[in-house]
Amino acid sequence: MNAEPIPCEPCDPRELGTLFLFEKLTDDQLARLCAEGRMERFEPGYVYREGDPATCFYVLMEGTVALSRRVGSDDVETNRTSHRGAYAGAMQAYVSGLEGSHYRGSLRAVEATRFFVLPAETFAAIMREWFPMAVHLLEGVFYGTRNTQVRINQRERLLALGSLSAGLTHELNNPAAAAVRATSALRERVAGMRHKLGMIAAGPYTRRTMATLVELQERTAEQVAKTVPLTPMEAADREDELGDWLDEHGIGEAWELAATLVQAGLDTRWLEGVAAAVDGATLEGAVRWLGYTVETELLMNEIEDSTTRISHLVDVAKQYSQLDRAPFQVVDVHELLDSTLVMLSGKIGPGVATVKGYDRSLPRIPAYPGELNQVWTNLIDNAASAMGGEGTLTVRTALDGDQVLVEFGDTGPGVDPQIRDRIFDPFFTTKPVGEGTGLGLDISWRIVVHKHHGSLLVESEPGDTRFQVRLPLTATQEEPEDGPA
């Protein structure tokens, strides 16, 4: 519920004339403002809330106010000021077509605060009467900016979607293909196991021998699950040992079978246990049947690893796109960087070495993570393009005073000093026609500087280009010298 205004002393034209907003007005104009407006005092509390009908234009006379925007279920403070003449409320009431508009944010009196209040319709009429040319220009700027912003936002979403889909497709391809291959091989091994089981059932095995083989099969499956990876040298030595044992016992294709058994962590002691359970005539059939068990377990492990990798990539994609998350939250920049690097691995290419220099002691920071991921995407994409598929991409984080530094370095040819001051301009690009929009660095600049109150700088020389993003550790509260509160 909003605070009730308290009527206070009459409006004094001379006091209004001391504000930067009205200092160029004539005495008659100041008198009219006082006649049609009013002075009101508010105790601490909301003057108006986001979404309320925009009925008044407020000018701060004394006190302190805070502006906030609704983000999910929270009010995020965007500005706080005590500057006389700061204004808020129905600031665009004079724009044609905005009749019946609503406040785009909330205004709260932090302490007892006094305002000059002008009804929205009066403010609109005065602006159109006193400054008709300015109103036309401002309307053009308002609608032009809004239309441009709509198009840029659409382009941003397309760029983000393109990066997301390309990176995700590239990363999903390997585990998906591995799962398909393993599934096909598993079908063959299961068929072979059924065939071999039929031969064993028809063979001269006693009930006790069959029970022993089944017990060996269970223990073998458990052993596969507990396998400890061997070094290449250890694996080669064990393959030689198993291959020799199999040859000595007349089992064909010994080296191929030995490689499978070693992969499962089995050794000659396991083979001796199988030999003890059966006679020489049936040894090969028993070993091969148990070998099928080993292969099926290994293939199922491969399928599990592949599907787990796919699930992990889906989680990374959600982290990158920030699906199901509040737009403003406290985040770990390293999680955002890692998800972006995974999504762009296909774009970066195998010829580019990625080096991470993370300071893991950095605190979490308040940010819009989805938009920071867009910044990382643009900077990494530019670095990869500059290196032409070969070089080193360095991603570094560090604490820089009361800010977090995120630096992207590449070993490309560098940024020409003659254009360095223009690279953040909208639609400026050094890429060939059709390859660059010129929006990436402009979007990044607006997100870092305007949205997060940080900085985006570049240091460049041939072979060493560094884009440095600095973000505040806490939510920034600015006090502008003039302009909207």
Protein backbone atom coordinates (compact mmCIF):
# COMPACT_ATOMS: atom_id res chain seq x y z
CA MET A 1 0.00 0.00 0.00
CA ASN A 2 1.31 3.45 -0.92
CA ALA A 3 1.94 6.16 1.68
CA GLU A 4 -0.63 8.94 1.89
CA PRO A 5 0.69 12.37 0.84
CA ILE A 6 0.63 15.14 3.44
CA PRO A 7 -0.30 18.60 2.11
CA CYS A 8 2.33 21.17 3.02
CA GLU A 9 3.09 24.85 2.45
CA PRO A 10 1.99 26.55 -0.77
CA CYS A 11 4.22 26.33 -3.81
CA ASP A 12 6.78 29.16 -4.11
CA PRO A 13 7.78 30.02 -7.70
CA ARG A 14 11.11 31.33 -6.48
CA GLU A 15 11.96 27.98 -4.90
CA LEU A 16 11.08 26.15 -8.11
CA GLY A 17 13.36 28.52 -9.99
CA THR A 18 16.34 27.30 -7.97
CA LEU A 19 16.08 23.78 -9.46
CA PHE A 20 18.14 22.89 -12.53
CA LEU A 21 14.97 21.57 -14.14
CA PHE A 22 13.16 24.94 -14.07
CA GLU A 23 15.98 27.50 -13.94
CA LYS A 24 15.40 28.67 -17.55
CA LEU A 25 11.65 29.27 -17.14
CA THR A 26 10.11 32.74 -16.96
CA ASP A 27 8.35 34.12 -13.90
CA ASP A 28 4.98 33.56 -15.57
CA GLN A 29 5.85 29.94 -16.36
CA LEU A 30 6.99 29.31 -12.79
CA ALA A 31 3.79 30.92 -11.51
CA ARG A 32 1.71 28.63 -13.72
CA LEU A 33 3.55 25.55 -12.47
CA CYS A 34 2.80 26.57 -8.89
CA ALA A 35 -0.81 27.31 -9.74
CA GLU A 36 -1.41 23.93 -11.41
CA GLY A 37 0.93 21.82 -9.27
CA ARG A 38 1.27 21.33 -5.54
CA MET A 39 3.78 20.62 -2.80
CA GLU A 40 3.35 17.31 -0.97
CA ARG A 41 5.28 15.62 1.82
CA PHE A 42 5.63 11.85 2.23
CA GLU A 43 6.72 9.92 5.27
CA PRO A 44 9.04 6.94 4.62
CA GLY A 45 7.25 4.47 2.37
CA TYR A 46 6.16 3.99 -1.23
CA VAL A 47 5.09 7.09 -3.15
CA TYR A 48 3.93 4.87 -6.02
CA ARG A 49 4.48 1.29 -7.11
CA GLU A 50 5.41 -0.26 -10.41
CA GLY A 51 2.28 -0.94 -12.46
CA ASP A 52 0.15 1.79 -10.84
CA PRO A 53 -1.47 4.24 -13.30
CA ALA A 54 1.08 6.99 -14.11
CA THR A 55 -0.91 9.98 -12.81
CA CYS A 56 1.80 12.38 -11.56
CA PHE A 57 5.21 13.84 -12.32
CA TYR A 58 7.33 14.15 -9.15
CA VAL A 59 10.25 16.54 -8.58
CA LEU A 60 12.36 16.06 -5.43
CA MET A 61 12.58 19.19 -3.27
CA GLU A 62 14.18 17.70 -0.16
CA GLY A 63 14.76 14.25 1.34
CA THR A 64 15.97 10.95 -0.09
CA VAL A 65 14.24 8.62 -2.53
CA ALA A 66 14.93 5.18 -3.98
CA LEU A 67 13.78 3.78 -7.32
CA SER A 68 13.30 0.04 -7.78
CA ARG A 69 12.15 -2.43 -10.42
CA ARG A 70 10.27 -5.66 -9.91
CA VAL A 71 12.38 -8.75 -10.70
CA GLY A 72 10.43 -11.94 -10.13
CA SER A 73 9.13 -11.71 -6.58
CA ASP A 74 11.72 -9.15 -5.46
CA ASP A 75 12.08 -5.38 -5.69
CA VAL A 76 15.59 -4.58 -6.94
CA GLU A 77 16.76 -1.07 -6.09
CA THR A 78 18.15 0.66 -9.18
CA ASN A 79 18.89 4.14 -7.85
CA ARG A 80 18.95 6.22 -4.70
CA THR A 81 19.40 9.99 -4.53
CA SER A 82 19.01 13.10 -2.40
CA HIS A 83 19.73 15.51 -5.27
CA ARG A 84 17.26 18.42 -5.44
CA GLY A 85 15.46 18.50 -8.77
CA ALA A 86 15.74 14.80 -9.47
CA TYR A 87 12.50 13.70 -11.06
CA ALA A 88 10.45 10.56 -11.55
CA GLY A 89 6.93 9.38 -12.32
CA ALA A 90 5.00 10.19 -15.48
CA MET A 91 8.08 11.51 -17.29
CA GLN A 92 6.74 10.66 -20.76
CA ALA A 93 3.16 11.79 -20.31
CA TYR A 94 3.61 14.21 -23.23
CA VAL A 95 4.38 11.38 -25.71
CA SER A 96 1.42 10.76 -28.03
CA GLY A 97 -0.12 7.33 -27.68
CA LEU A 98 0.96 6.76 -24.08
CA GLU A 99 -2.27 7.89 -22.46
CA GLY A 100 -3.26 5.58 -19.63
CA SER A 101 0.31 4.36 -19.17
CA HIS A 102 1.65 2.93 -15.92
CA TYR A 103 4.69 3.58 -13.78
CA ARG A 104 7.65 1.52 -15.00
CA GLY A 105 9.18 1.27 -11.54
CA SER A 106 8.48 2.00 -7.89
CA LEU A 107 9.39 5.22 -6.02
CA ARG A 108 9.98 5.04 -2.28
CA ALA A 109 10.67 7.82 0.20
CA VAL A 110 13.62 6.68 2.33
CA GLU A 111 13.03 9.49 4.84
CA ALA A 112 10.52 12.30 5.22
CA THR A 113 10.56 13.75 1.72
CA ARG A 114 8.98 16.75 -0.01
CA PHE A 115 8.00 16.80 -3.69
CA PHE A 116 6.65 19.24 -6.20
CA VAL A 117 3.85 17.24 -7.83
CA LEU A 118 2.35 17.98 -11.24
CA PRO A 119 -0.61 15.96 -12.60
CA ALA A 120 0.38 13.97 -15.69
CA GLU A 121 -2.19 15.60 -17.97
CA THR A 122 -1.07 19.07 -16.84
CA PHE A 123 2.58 18.17 -17.38
CA ALA A 124 1.75 16.89 -20.90
CA ALA A 125 -0.24 20.03 -21.79
CA ILE A 126 2.51 22.37 -20.56
CA MET A 127 5.22 20.50 -22.45
CA ARG A 128 3.24 20.58 -25.71
CA GLU A 129 2.41 24.26 -25.29
CA TRP A 130 5.81 25.55 -24.18
CA PHE A 131 8.12 23.24 -26.11
CA PRO A 132 6.26 21.95 -29.20
CA MET A 133 9.38 21.34 -31.27
CA ALA A 134 11.15 19.64 -28.40
CA VAL A 135 8.12 17.36 -27.86
CA HIS A 136 8.21 16.29 -31.52
CA LEU A 137 11.93 15.58 -31.28
CA LEU A 138 11.54 13.69 -28.00
CA GLU A 139 8.66 11.63 -29.40
CA GLY A 140 10.86 10.72 -32.36
CA VAL A 141 13.69 9.73 -30.05
CA PHE A 142 11.34 7.76 -27.79
CA TYR A 143 9.69 5.73 -30.53
CA GLY A 144 12.88 5.43 -32.56
CA THR A 145 14.80 4.14 -29.56
CA ARG A 146 12.01 1.76 -28.61
CA ASN A 147 11.79 0.32 -32.12
CA THR A 148 15.57 0.02 -32.36
CA GLN A 149 15.68 -1.65 -28.97
CA VAL A 150 13.02 -4.15 -30.02
CA ARG A 151 15.04 -5.06 -33.11
CA ILE A 152 18.31 -5.25 -31.16
CA ASN A 153 16.67 -7.42 -28.49
CA GLN A 154 15.38 -9.74 -31.20
CA ARG A 155 18.85 -9.87 -32.72
CA GLU A 156 20.39 -10.55 -29.30
CA ARG A 157 18.05 -13.48 -28.79
CA LEU A 158 18.85 -14.84 -32.25
CA LEU A 159 22.59 -14.52 -31.60
CA ALA A 160 22.24 -16.26 -28.25
CA LEU A 161 20.05 -18.98 -29.76
CA GLY A 162 22.53 -19.52 -32.59
CA SER A 163 25.44 -19.89 -30.19
CA LEU A 164 23.42 -22.14 -27.91
CA SER A 165 22.19 -24.47 -30.65
CA ALA A 166 25.54 -24.69 -32.47
CA GLY A 167 27.51 -25.37 -29.31
CA LEU A 168 24.98 -27.79 -27.89
CA THR A 169 24.71 -29.73 -31.16
CA HIS A 170 28.48 -30.03 -31.36
CA GLU A 171 28.86 -31.18 -27.78
CA LEU A 172 25.91 -33.61 -27.87
CA ASN A 173 27.13 -35.30 -31.03
CA ASN A 174 30.01 -37.24 -29.44
CA PRO A 175 28.20 -38.82 -26.45
CA ALA A 176 25.08 -39.46 -28.55
CA ALA A 177 27.11 -41.20 -31.25
CA ALA A 178 28.97 -43.20 -28.59
CA ALA A 179 25.68 -44.32 -27.05
CA VAL A 180 24.38 -45.43 -30.46
CA ARG A 181 27.57 -47.38 -31.21
CA ALA A 182 27.59 -49.00 -27.77
CA THR A 183 23.92 -49.96 -28.07
CA SER A 184 24.54 -51.62 -31.45
CA ALA A 185 27.56 -53.51 -30.10
CA LEU A 186 25.62 -54.50 -26.99
CA ARG A 187 22.91 -56.05 -29.13
CA GLU A 188 25.54 -58.19 -30.90
CA ARG A 189 27.18 -59.24 -27.61
CA VAL A 190 23.86 -60.21 -26.04
CA ALA A 191 23.04 -62.29 -29.10
CA GLY A 192 26.47 -63.96 -28.83
CA MET A 193 25.92 -64.59 -25.12
CA ARG A 194 22.58 -66.28 -25.84
CA HIS A 195 24.22 -68.46 -28.49
CA LYS A 196 27.12 -69.38 -26.20
CA LEU A 197 24.74 -70.08 -23.31
CA GLY A 198 22.85 -72.52 -25.51
CA MET A 199 26.09 -74.32 -26.34
CA ILE A 200 27.04 -74.47 -22.66
CA ALA A 201 23.62 -75.82 -21.72
CA ALA A 202 23.96 -78.54 -24.36
CA GLY A 203 27.55 -79.35 -23.32
CA PRO A 204 28.92 -81.80 -20.75
CA TYR A 205 28.64 -79.42 -17.78
CA THR A 206 27.51 -80.77 -14.43
CA ARG A 207 24.95 -78.92 -12.32
CA ARG A 208 27.74 -77.98 -9.90
CA THR A 209 29.94 -76.64 -12.71
CA MET A 210 27.05 -74.54 -14.07
CA ALA A 211 26.40 -73.10 -10.59
CA THR A 212 30.10 -72.23 -10.30
CA LEU A 213 30.07 -70.52 -13.72
CA VAL A 214 26.99 -68.48 -12.78
CA GLU A 215 28.69 -67.47 -9.53
CA LEU A 216 31.82 -66.49 -11.54
CA GLN A 217 29.62 -64.46 -13.87
CA GLU A 218 28.16 -62.49 -10.95
CA ARG A 219 31.58 -61.84 -9.44
CA THR A 220 32.91 -60.79 -12.84
CA ALA A 221 30.12 -58.27 -13.31
CA GLU A 222 30.87 -56.84 -9.86
CA GLN A 223 34.58 -56.68 -10.73
CA VAL A 224 33.87 -54.66 -13.89
CA ALA A 225 31.96 -52.09 -11.86
CA LYS A 226 34.94 -51.68 -9.49
CA THR A 227 37.62 -51.49 -12.17
CA VAL A 228 40.52 -49.14 -11.42
CA PRO A 229 42.00 -47.64 -14.64
CA LEU A 230 45.52 -48.82 -15.43
CA THR A 231 48.31 -46.78 -16.92
CA PRO A 232 49.05 -47.54 -20.61
CA MET A 233 52.22 -49.40 -19.57
CA GLU A 234 50.41 -51.47 -16.92
CA ALA A 235 47.61 -52.31 -19.37
CA ALA A 236 50.11 -53.44 -22.05
CA ASP A 237 51.97 -55.67 -19.57
CA ARG A 238 48.76 -57.27 -18.35
CA GLU A 239 47.53 -57.88 -21.92
CA ASP A 240 50.79 -59.70 -22.67
CA GLU A 241 50.37 -61.80 -19.54
CA LEU A 242 46.73 -62.71 -20.29
CA GLY A 243 47.45 -63.33 -23.98
CA ASP A 244 50.23 -65.77 -23.11
CA TRP A 245 47.95 -67.61 -20.66
CA LEU A 246 45.14 -67.91 -23.22
CA ASP A 247 47.56 -69.15 -25.90
CA GLU A 248 48.98 -71.73 -23.54
CA HIS A 249 45.46 -73.05 -22.89
CA GLY A 250 44.53 -73.23 -26.58
CA ILE A 251 42.01 -70.39 -26.65
CA GLY A 252 41.85 -68.66 -30.07
CA GLU A 253 41.97 -64.92 -30.76
CA ALA A 254 43.79 -64.57 -27.46
CA TRP A 255 45.00 -60.99 -27.94
CA GLU A 256 41.57 -59.57 -28.74
CA LEU A 257 40.02 -61.37 -25.77
CA ALA A 258 42.93 -60.32 -23.51
CA ALA A 259 42.35 -56.62 -24.30
CA THR A 260 38.69 -56.92 -23.25
CA LEU A 261 39.52 -58.73 -20.01
CA VAL A 262 42.21 -56.17 -19.08
CA GLN A 263 39.77 -53.33 -19.71
CA ALA A 264 37.53 -54.95 -17.09
CA GLY A 265 40.39 -55.20 -14.58
CA LEU A 266 40.72 -59.01 -14.76
CA ASP A 267 44.00 -60.93 -14.53
CA THR A 268 45.42 -64.46 -14.70
CA ARG A 269 44.12 -65.27 -11.21
CA TRP A 270 40.60 -64.81 -12.57
CA LEU A 271 41.41 -67.11 -15.50
CA GLU A 272 42.83 -69.69 -13.13
CA GLY A 273 39.55 -69.61 -11.22
CA VAL A 274 37.62 -70.30 -14.43
CA ALA A 275 40.00 -73.14 -15.35
CA ALA A 276 39.53 -74.69 -11.92
CA ALA A 277 35.76 -74.74 -12.38
CA VAL A 278 35.71 -76.58 -15.74
CA ASP A 279 37.77 -79.16 -17.58
CA GLY A 280 40.12 -78.45 -20.47
CA ALA A 281 37.58 -79.40 -23.15
CA THR A 282 35.04 -76.85 -22.02
CA LEU A 283 37.42 -74.11 -20.87
CA GLU A 284 37.31 -72.03 -24.07
CA GLY A 285 33.50 -72.00 -24.16
CA ALA A 286 33.32 -70.93 -20.51
CA VAL A 287 35.93 -68.18 -20.95
CA ARG A 288 34.21 -66.81 -24.04
CA TRP A 289 30.80 -66.86 -22.34
CA LEU A 290 32.24 -64.94 -19.39
CA GLY A 291 34.00 -62.67 -21.91
CA TYR A 292 30.59 -61.75 -23.33
CA THR A 293 29.52 -60.85 -19.78
CA VAL A 294 32.53 -58.57 -19.47
CA GLU A 295 31.81 -56.91 -22.82
CA THR A 296 28.13 -56.33 -22.03
CA GLU A 297 29.05 -54.74 -18.68
CA LEU A 298 31.63 -52.51 -20.37
CA LEU A 299 29.16 -51.48 -23.05
CA MET A 300 26.48 -50.69 -20.49
CA ASN A 301 29.03 -48.56 -18.61
CA GLU A 302 29.77 -46.73 -21.85
CA ILE A 303 26.07 -46.12 -22.46
CA GLU A 304 25.67 -44.87 -18.91
CA ASP A 305 28.66 -42.54 -19.28
CA SER A 306 27.33 -41.21 -22.59
CA THR A 307 23.82 -40.56 -21.32
CA THR A 308 25.23 -38.97 -18.15
CA ARG A 309 27.31 -36.69 -20.37
CA ILE A 310 24.20 -35.78 -22.35
CA SER A 311 22.34 -35.00 -19.13
CA HIS A 312 25.27 -32.87 -17.96
CA LEU A 313 25.25 -30.96 -21.25
CA VAL A 314 21.55 -30.25 -20.87
CA ASP A 315 22.28 -28.88 -17.40
CA VAL A 316 25.07 -26.74 -18.88
CA ALA A 317 22.69 -25.45 -21.52
CA LYS A 318 20.19 -24.49 -18.82
CA GLN A 319 22.98 -22.77 -16.89
CA TYR A 320 24.05 -20.92 -20.02
CA SER A 321 20.54 -19.81 -20.97
CA GLN A 322 19.48 -19.35 -17.32
CA LEU A 323 16.20 -21.18 -17.89
CA ASP A 324 13.94 -21.43 -14.83
CA ARG A 325 16.04 -18.87 -12.94
CA ALA A 326 15.40 -15.35 -11.73
CA PRO A 327 16.95 -12.74 -14.06
CA PHE A 328 18.77 -11.08 -11.13
CA GLN A 329 20.64 -13.22 -8.62
CA VAL A 330 23.92 -13.69 -6.79
CA VAL A 331 26.17 -15.84 -8.98
CA ASP A 332 29.60 -17.44 -9.29
CA VAL A 333 31.20 -15.99 -12.44
CA HIS A 334 33.21 -19.20 -12.92
CA GLU A 335 30.06 -21.27 -13.37
CA LEU A 336 28.88 -18.83 -16.04
CA LEU A 337 32.27 -18.84 -17.78
CA ASP A 338 32.52 -22.64 -17.79
CA SER A 339 29.02 -23.10 -19.21
CA THR A 340 29.76 -20.58 -21.98
CA LEU A 341 33.08 -22.24 -22.85
CA VAL A 342 31.33 -25.61 -23.15
CA MET A 343 28.60 -24.17 -25.35
CA LEU A 344 31.16 -22.45 -27.61
CA SER A 345 33.68 -25.29 -27.80
CA GLY A 346 32.65 -26.01 -31.36
CA LYS A 347 33.10 -22.36 -32.32
CA ILE A 348 36.49 -22.17 -30.61
CA GLY A 349 37.74 -25.21 -32.52
CA PRO A 350 40.42 -27.83 -31.79
CA GLY A 351 43.26 -25.58 -32.95
CA VAL A 352 42.72 -23.08 -30.13
CA ALA A 353 44.09 -23.97 -26.70
CA THR A 354 41.92 -22.70 -23.84
CA VAL A 355 43.78 -21.71 -20.67
CA LYS A 356 41.85 -20.93 -17.48
CA GLY A 357 43.35 -18.76 -14.78
CA TYR A 358 40.57 -18.67 -12.22
CA ASP A 359 40.81 -17.16 -8.77
CA ARG A 360 38.45 -19.56 -7.01
CA SER A 361 38.48 -17.43 -3.86
CA LEU A 362 36.40 -14.73 -5.55
CA PRO A 363 33.04 -14.07 -3.86
CA ARG A 364 29.73 -14.48 -5.64
CA ILE A 365 28.40 -11.24 -7.10
CA PRO A 366 24.92 -9.78 -7.78
CA ALA A 367 24.27 -9.87 -11.51
CA TYR A 368 22.00 -10.72 -14.41
CA PRO A 369 23.64 -14.07 -15.29
CA GLY A 370 21.81 -14.64 -18.57
CA GLU A 371 23.08 -11.31 -19.86
CA LEU A 372 26.62 -11.87 -18.57
CA ASN A 373 26.65 -15.15 -20.50
CA GLN A 374 25.82 -13.09 -23.58
CA VAL A 375 28.85 -10.88 -22.84
CA TRP A 376 31.11 -13.92 -22.46
CA THR A 377 29.70 -15.35 -25.70
CA ASN A 378 30.42 -12.19 -27.66
CA LEU A 379 33.97 -11.77 -26.34
CA ILE A 380 34.91 -15.45 -26.78
CA ASP A 381 33.39 -15.52 -30.25
CA ASN A 382 35.37 -12.42 -31.27
CA ALA A 383 38.59 -13.89 -29.85
CA ALA A 384 38.10 -17.18 -31.71
CA SER A 385 37.39 -15.33 -34.96
CA ALA A 386 40.44 -13.11 -34.52
CA MET A 387 42.74 -16.12 -34.12
CA GLY A 388 41.41 -17.82 -37.24
CA GLY A 389 41.26 -21.26 -35.65
CA GLU A 390 44.77 -21.37 -34.16
CA GLY A 391 46.17 -19.76 -31.02
CA THR A 392 45.55 -19.53 -27.30
CA LEU A 393 42.43 -18.24 -25.56
CA THR A 394 43.05 -17.22 -21.96
CA VAL A 395 40.18 -16.67 -19.54
CA ARG A 396 41.32 -15.15 -16.25
CA THR A 397 39.54 -13.93 -13.12
CA ALA A 398 40.92 -11.90 -10.26
CA LEU A 399 39.94 -9.50 -7.50
CA ASP A 400 40.64 -5.89 -8.51
CA GLY A 401 39.91 -3.63 -5.54
CA ASP A 402 36.18 -3.75 -4.93
CA GLN A 403 35.50 -5.32 -8.33
CA VAL A 404 35.77 -8.71 -9.99
CA LEU A 405 37.98 -8.74 -13.07
CA VAL A 406 37.15 -11.15 -15.89
CA GLU A 407 39.74 -11.01 -18.68
CA PHE A 408 39.63 -12.64 -22.11
CA GLY A 409 42.97 -12.80 -23.91
CA ASP A 410 43.77 -14.02 -27.40
CA THR A 411 46.90 -14.34 -29.53
CA GLY A 412 45.34 -12.87 -32.67
CA PRO A 413 46.66 -9.92 -34.70
CA GLY A 414 45.23 -7.35 -32.29
CA VAL A 415 42.94 -4.36 -32.69
CA ASP A 416 44.14 -1.61 -35.02
CA PRO A 417 44.80 1.53 -32.89
CA GLN A 418 42.97 3.62 -35.49
CA ILE A 419 39.68 1.84 -34.85
CA ARG A 420 40.09 1.03 -31.16
CA ASP A 421 37.82 3.90 -30.12
CA ARG A 422 35.06 2.69 -32.46
CA ILE A 423 34.82 -1.01 -31.68
CA PHE A 424 32.06 -0.48 -29.11
CA ASP A 425 29.92 1.56 -31.55
CA PRO A 426 26.68 -0.09 -32.71
CA PHE A 427 26.99 -1.92 -36.05
CA PHE A 428 30.75 -1.36 -36.32
CA THR A 429 32.53 -4.55 -37.35
CA THR A 430 35.84 -5.55 -38.90
CA LYS A 431 34.48 -8.85 -40.17
CA PRO A 432 33.60 -9.40 -43.83
CA VAL A 433 30.08 -8.60 -45.00
CA GLY A 434 27.68 -11.28 -43.84
CA GLU A 435 29.90 -12.55 -41.02
CA GLY A 436 29.49 -9.85 -38.40
CA THR A 437 26.56 -7.73 -37.21
CA GLY A 438 28.57 -5.14 -35.32
CA LEU A 439 26.26 -5.63 -32.35
CA GLY A 440 28.34 -7.92 -30.12
CA LEU A 441 30.58 -5.36 -28.43
CA ASP A 442 27.82 -2.73 -28.29
CA ILE A 443 25.53 -5.23 -26.57
CA SER A 444 28.37 -6.25 -24.22
CA TRP A 445 29.13 -2.62 -23.38
CA ARG A 446 25.50 -1.85 -22.54
CA ILE A 447 25.14 -4.98 -20.39
CA VAL A 448 28.37 -4.42 -18.44
CA VAL A 449 28.36 -0.64 -18.12
CA HIS A 450 24.68 0.32 -18.04
CA LYS A 451 23.11 -2.81 -16.56
CA HIS A 452 25.82 -3.85 -14.09
CA HIS A 453 27.57 -0.49 -13.49
CA GLY A 454 30.91 -2.05 -14.39
CA SER A 455 33.48 -1.32 -17.08
CA LEU A 456 34.61 -2.93 -20.33
CA LEU A 457 38.10 -2.05 -21.60
CA VAL A 458 40.49 -3.38 -24.22
CA GLU A 459 44.27 -3.58 -24.26
CA SER A 460 45.71 -4.76 -27.55
CA GLU A 461 48.92 -5.31 -29.42
CA PRO A 462 49.76 -7.94 -32.05
CA GLY A 463 49.69 -11.35 -30.41
CA ASP A 464 48.17 -10.13 -27.15
CA THR A 465 44.63 -8.70 -27.03
CA ARG A 466 42.80 -8.51 -23.72
CA PHE A 467 39.20 -7.52 -23.11
CA GLN A 468 38.73 -6.74 -19.43
CA VAL A 469 35.32 -6.82 -17.75
CA ARG A 470 35.09 -5.37 -14.25
CA LEU A 471 31.98 -5.95 -12.17
CA PRO A 472 31.17 -4.54 -8.72
CA LEU A 473 31.10 -6.90 -5.77
CA THR A 474 27.87 -5.33 -4.52
CA ALA A 475 24.82 -3.78 -6.15
CA THR A 476 25.72 -0.22 -7.19
CA GLN A 477 23.69 2.77 -6.08
CA GLU A 478 24.40 5.93 -8.03
CA GLU A 479 23.55 9.53 -7.33
CA PRO A 480 23.39 11.42 -10.63
CA GLU A 481 24.00 15.14 -10.66
CA ASP A 482 20.86 15.66 -12.66
CA GLY A 483 18.34 13.75 -14.70
CA PRO A 484 15.75 11.21 -13.65
CA ALA A 485 15.79 9.88 -10.14
